[in-house]
Amino acid sequence: MKKFILPALGLFALAPTAALAKDEAVKRFEHDGATYSYTVTKVGDTRVISGVEERTGKPFTLRVGQHRVRGTVGSQQVSFALRDVEPLVKPAATLASR
């Protein structure tokens, strides 16, 4: 599980958060056939990504600091450097064609 969710969540860990509201709307992404919903809040200098894998209901919480990400995925503790984060590769999508 850690190999699949961490690279995907890393994309959000690196995303700019200057315009985050206190009550951020729930966002979703899909990775390796699993759908995740999450919110991002700011607590001091730390971004907190909280969410759930929708099919299994397994929760995750990640605290993104300046150099490390720490938290839990289900009941497992995770910790990794921001430099180890791989962006989520998103295939090109055609919105409309004629």
C-alpha atoms as a PDB file:
ATOM      1  CA  MET A   1       0.000   0.000   0.000  1.00  0.00           C
ATOM      2  CA  LYS A   2       2.781   2.409   0.947  1.00  0.00           C
ATOM      3  CA  LYS A   3       4.432   2.037  -2.467  1.00  0.00           C
ATOM      4  CA  PHE A   4       1.231   3.062  -4.225  1.00  0.00           C
ATOM      5  CA  ILE A   5      -0.233   5.839  -2.108  1.00  0.00           C
ATOM      6  CA  LEU A   6       2.928   7.709  -1.135  1.00  0.00           C
ATOM      7  CA  PRO A   7       4.040   8.749  -4.642  1.00  0.00           C
ATOM      8  CA  ALA A   8       0.501   9.854  -5.436  1.00  0.00           C
ATOM      9  CA  LEU A   9       0.136  11.812  -2.215  1.00  0.00           C
ATOM     10  CA  GLY A  10       3.550  13.318  -2.746  1.00  0.00           C
ATOM     11  CA  LEU A  11       2.157  15.314  -5.623  1.00  0.00           C
ATOM     12  CA  PHE A  12      -0.199  17.024  -3.216  1.00  0.00           C
ATOM     13  CA  ALA A  13       2.498  17.459  -0.592  1.00  0.00           C
ATOM     14  CA  LEU A  14       4.454  19.620  -3.020  1.00  0.00           C
ATOM     15  CA  ALA A  15       1.481  21.612  -4.319  1.00  0.00           C
ATOM     16  CA  PRO A  16       1.350  25.298  -3.383  1.00  0.00           C
ATOM     17  CA  THR A  17      -0.945  26.040  -0.473  1.00  0.00           C
ATOM     18  CA  ALA A  18      -0.945  29.825  -0.226  1.00  0.00           C
ATOM     19  CA  ALA A  19      -4.655  30.076  -1.018  1.00  0.00           C
ATOM     20  CA  LEU A  20      -5.917  27.251   1.216  1.00  0.00           C
ATOM     21  CA  ALA A  21      -9.064  28.041   3.131  1.00  0.00           C
ATOM     22  CA  LYS A  22      -9.681  26.802   6.687  1.00  0.00           C
ATOM     23  CA  ASP A  23     -12.523  24.555   5.487  1.00  0.00           C
ATOM     24  CA  GLU A  24     -11.077  23.244   2.249  1.00  0.00           C
ATOM     25  CA  ALA A  25     -13.400  21.259  -0.008  1.00  0.00           C
ATOM     26  CA  VAL A  26     -12.877  17.518  -0.349  1.00  0.00           C
ATOM     27  CA  LYS A  27     -10.701  16.644  -3.358  1.00  0.00           C
ATOM     28  CA  ARG A  28     -10.307  13.267  -5.083  1.00  0.00           C
ATOM     29  CA  PHE A  29      -7.727  11.452  -7.130  1.00  0.00           C
ATOM     30  CA  GLU A  30      -7.346   7.991  -8.591  1.00  0.00           C
ATOM     31  CA  HIS A  31      -4.160   5.913  -8.509  1.00  0.00           C
ATOM     32  CA  ASP A  32      -3.694   2.278  -9.537  1.00  0.00           C
ATOM     33  CA  GLY A  33      -7.445   1.679  -9.598  1.00  0.00           C
ATOM     34  CA  ALA A  34      -8.073   3.080  -6.113  1.00  0.00           C
ATOM     35  CA  THR A  35      -9.914   6.343  -5.481  1.00  0.00           C
ATOM     36  CA  TYR A  36      -8.803   8.593  -2.636  1.00  0.00           C
ATOM     37  CA  SER A  37     -10.618  11.595  -1.195  1.00  0.00           C
ATOM     38  CA  TYR A  38      -8.749  14.102   0.963  1.00  0.00           C
ATOM     39  CA  THR A  39      -8.624  17.594   2.397  1.00  0.00           C
ATOM     40  CA  VAL A  40      -5.627  19.824   2.993  1.00  0.00           C
ATOM     41  CA  THR A  41      -5.410  22.192   5.955  1.00  0.00           C
ATOM     42  CA  LYS A  42      -2.610  24.376   7.239  1.00  0.00           C
ATOM     43  CA  VAL A  43      -1.551  24.212  10.892  1.00  0.00           C
ATOM     44  CA  GLY A  44       1.224  26.730  11.515  1.00  0.00           C
ATOM     45  CA  ASP A  45       3.962  25.984   8.968  1.00  0.00           C
ATOM     46  CA  THR A  46       2.755  22.409   8.428  1.00  0.00           C
ATOM     47  CA  ARG A  47       0.283  21.199   5.801  1.00  0.00           C
ATOM     48  CA  VAL A  48      -1.948  18.344   6.926  1.00  0.00           C
ATOM     49  CA  ILE A  49      -3.393  16.029   4.271  1.00  0.00           C
ATOM     50  CA  SER A  50      -6.234  13.907   5.674  1.00  0.00           C
ATOM     51  CA  GLY A  51      -8.309  11.477   3.705  1.00  0.00           C
ATOM     52  CA  VAL A  52      -9.570   8.000   3.038  1.00  0.00           C
ATOM     53  CA  GLU A  53      -9.254   5.313   0.367  1.00  0.00           C
ATOM     54  CA  GLU A  54     -12.886   5.158  -0.706  1.00  0.00           C
ATOM     55  CA  ARG A  55     -13.276   1.432  -1.429  1.00  0.00           C
ATOM     56  CA  THR A  56     -11.709   0.105   1.777  1.00  0.00           C
ATOM     57  CA  GLY A  57     -12.291   3.088   4.051  1.00  0.00           C
ATOM     58  CA  LYS A  58      -8.620   3.047   5.128  1.00  0.00           C
ATOM     59  CA  PRO A  59      -7.797   6.531   6.483  1.00  0.00           C
ATOM     60  CA  PHE A  60      -4.546   8.424   6.020  1.00  0.00           C
ATOM     61  CA  THR A  61      -3.096  11.550   7.602  1.00  0.00           C
ATOM     62  CA  LEU A  62       0.145  13.129   6.415  1.00  0.00           C
ATOM     63  CA  ARG A  63       1.916  16.107   7.989  1.00  0.00           C
ATOM     64  CA  VAL A  64       4.082  17.862   5.406  1.00  0.00           C
ATOM     65  CA  GLY A  65       7.003  19.809   6.857  1.00  0.00           C
ATOM     66  CA  GLN A  66       9.835  21.639   5.125  1.00  0.00           C
ATOM     67  CA  HIS A  67      11.900  18.516   4.453  1.00  0.00           C
ATOM     68  CA  ARG A  68       9.872  15.470   5.591  1.00  0.00           C
ATOM     69  CA  VAL A  69       6.408  13.983   5.426  1.00  0.00           C
ATOM     70  CA  ARG A  70       5.222  12.022   8.466  1.00  0.00           C
ATOM     71  CA  GLY A  71       1.918  10.422   9.302  1.00  0.00           C
ATOM     72  CA  THR A  72      -0.187   7.291   9.165  1.00  0.00           C
ATOM     73  CA  VAL A  73      -1.774   5.215   6.419  1.00  0.00           C
ATOM     74  CA  GLY A  74      -4.320   2.970   8.066  1.00  0.00           C
ATOM     75  CA  SER A  75      -2.523   1.915  11.234  1.00  0.00           C
ATOM     76  CA  GLN A  76       0.970   2.017   9.685  1.00  0.00           C
ATOM     77  CA  GLN A  77       3.373   4.867  10.504  1.00  0.00           C
ATOM     78  CA  VAL A  78       5.055   6.457   7.469  1.00  0.00           C
ATOM     79  CA  SER A  79       7.920   8.920   7.150  1.00  0.00           C
ATOM     80  CA  PHE A  80       9.778   9.968   4.008  1.00  0.00           C
ATOM     81  CA  ALA A  81      11.814  12.878   2.649  1.00  0.00           C
ATOM     82  CA  LEU A  82      10.183  15.341   0.262  1.00  0.00           C
ATOM     83  CA  ARG A  83      13.039  14.721  -2.179  1.00  0.00           C
ATOM     84  CA  ASP A  84      11.807  11.103  -2.485  1.00  0.00           C
ATOM     85  CA  VAL A  85       8.359  12.191  -3.696  1.00  0.00           C
ATOM     86  CA  GLU A  86       7.531  11.276  -7.278  1.00  0.00           C
ATOM     87  CA  PRO A  87       4.847  13.301  -9.076  1.00  0.00           C
ATOM     88  CA  LEU A  88       1.697  11.454 -10.068  1.00  0.00           C
ATOM     89  CA  VAL A  89       1.840  10.880 -13.829  1.00  0.00           C
ATOM     90  CA  LYS A  90      -1.441  11.917 -15.354  1.00  0.00           C
ATOM     91  CA  PRO A  91      -2.329  10.737 -18.891  1.00  0.00           C
ATOM     92  CA  ALA A  92      -3.504  13.348 -21.357  1.00  0.00           C
ATOM     93  CA  ALA A  93      -7.273  13.630 -21.598  1.00  0.00           C
ATOM     94  CA  THR A  94      -9.380  14.847 -24.489  1.00  0.00           C
ATOM     95  CA  LEU A  95     -12.139  17.078 -23.169  1.00  0.00           C
ATOM     96  CA  ALA A  96     -13.935  17.653 -26.450  1.00  0.00           C
ATOM     97  CA  SER A  97     -13.348  16.846 -30.089  1.00  0.00           C
ATOM     98  CA  ARG A  98     -15.246  17.117 -33.341  1.00  0.00           C
END
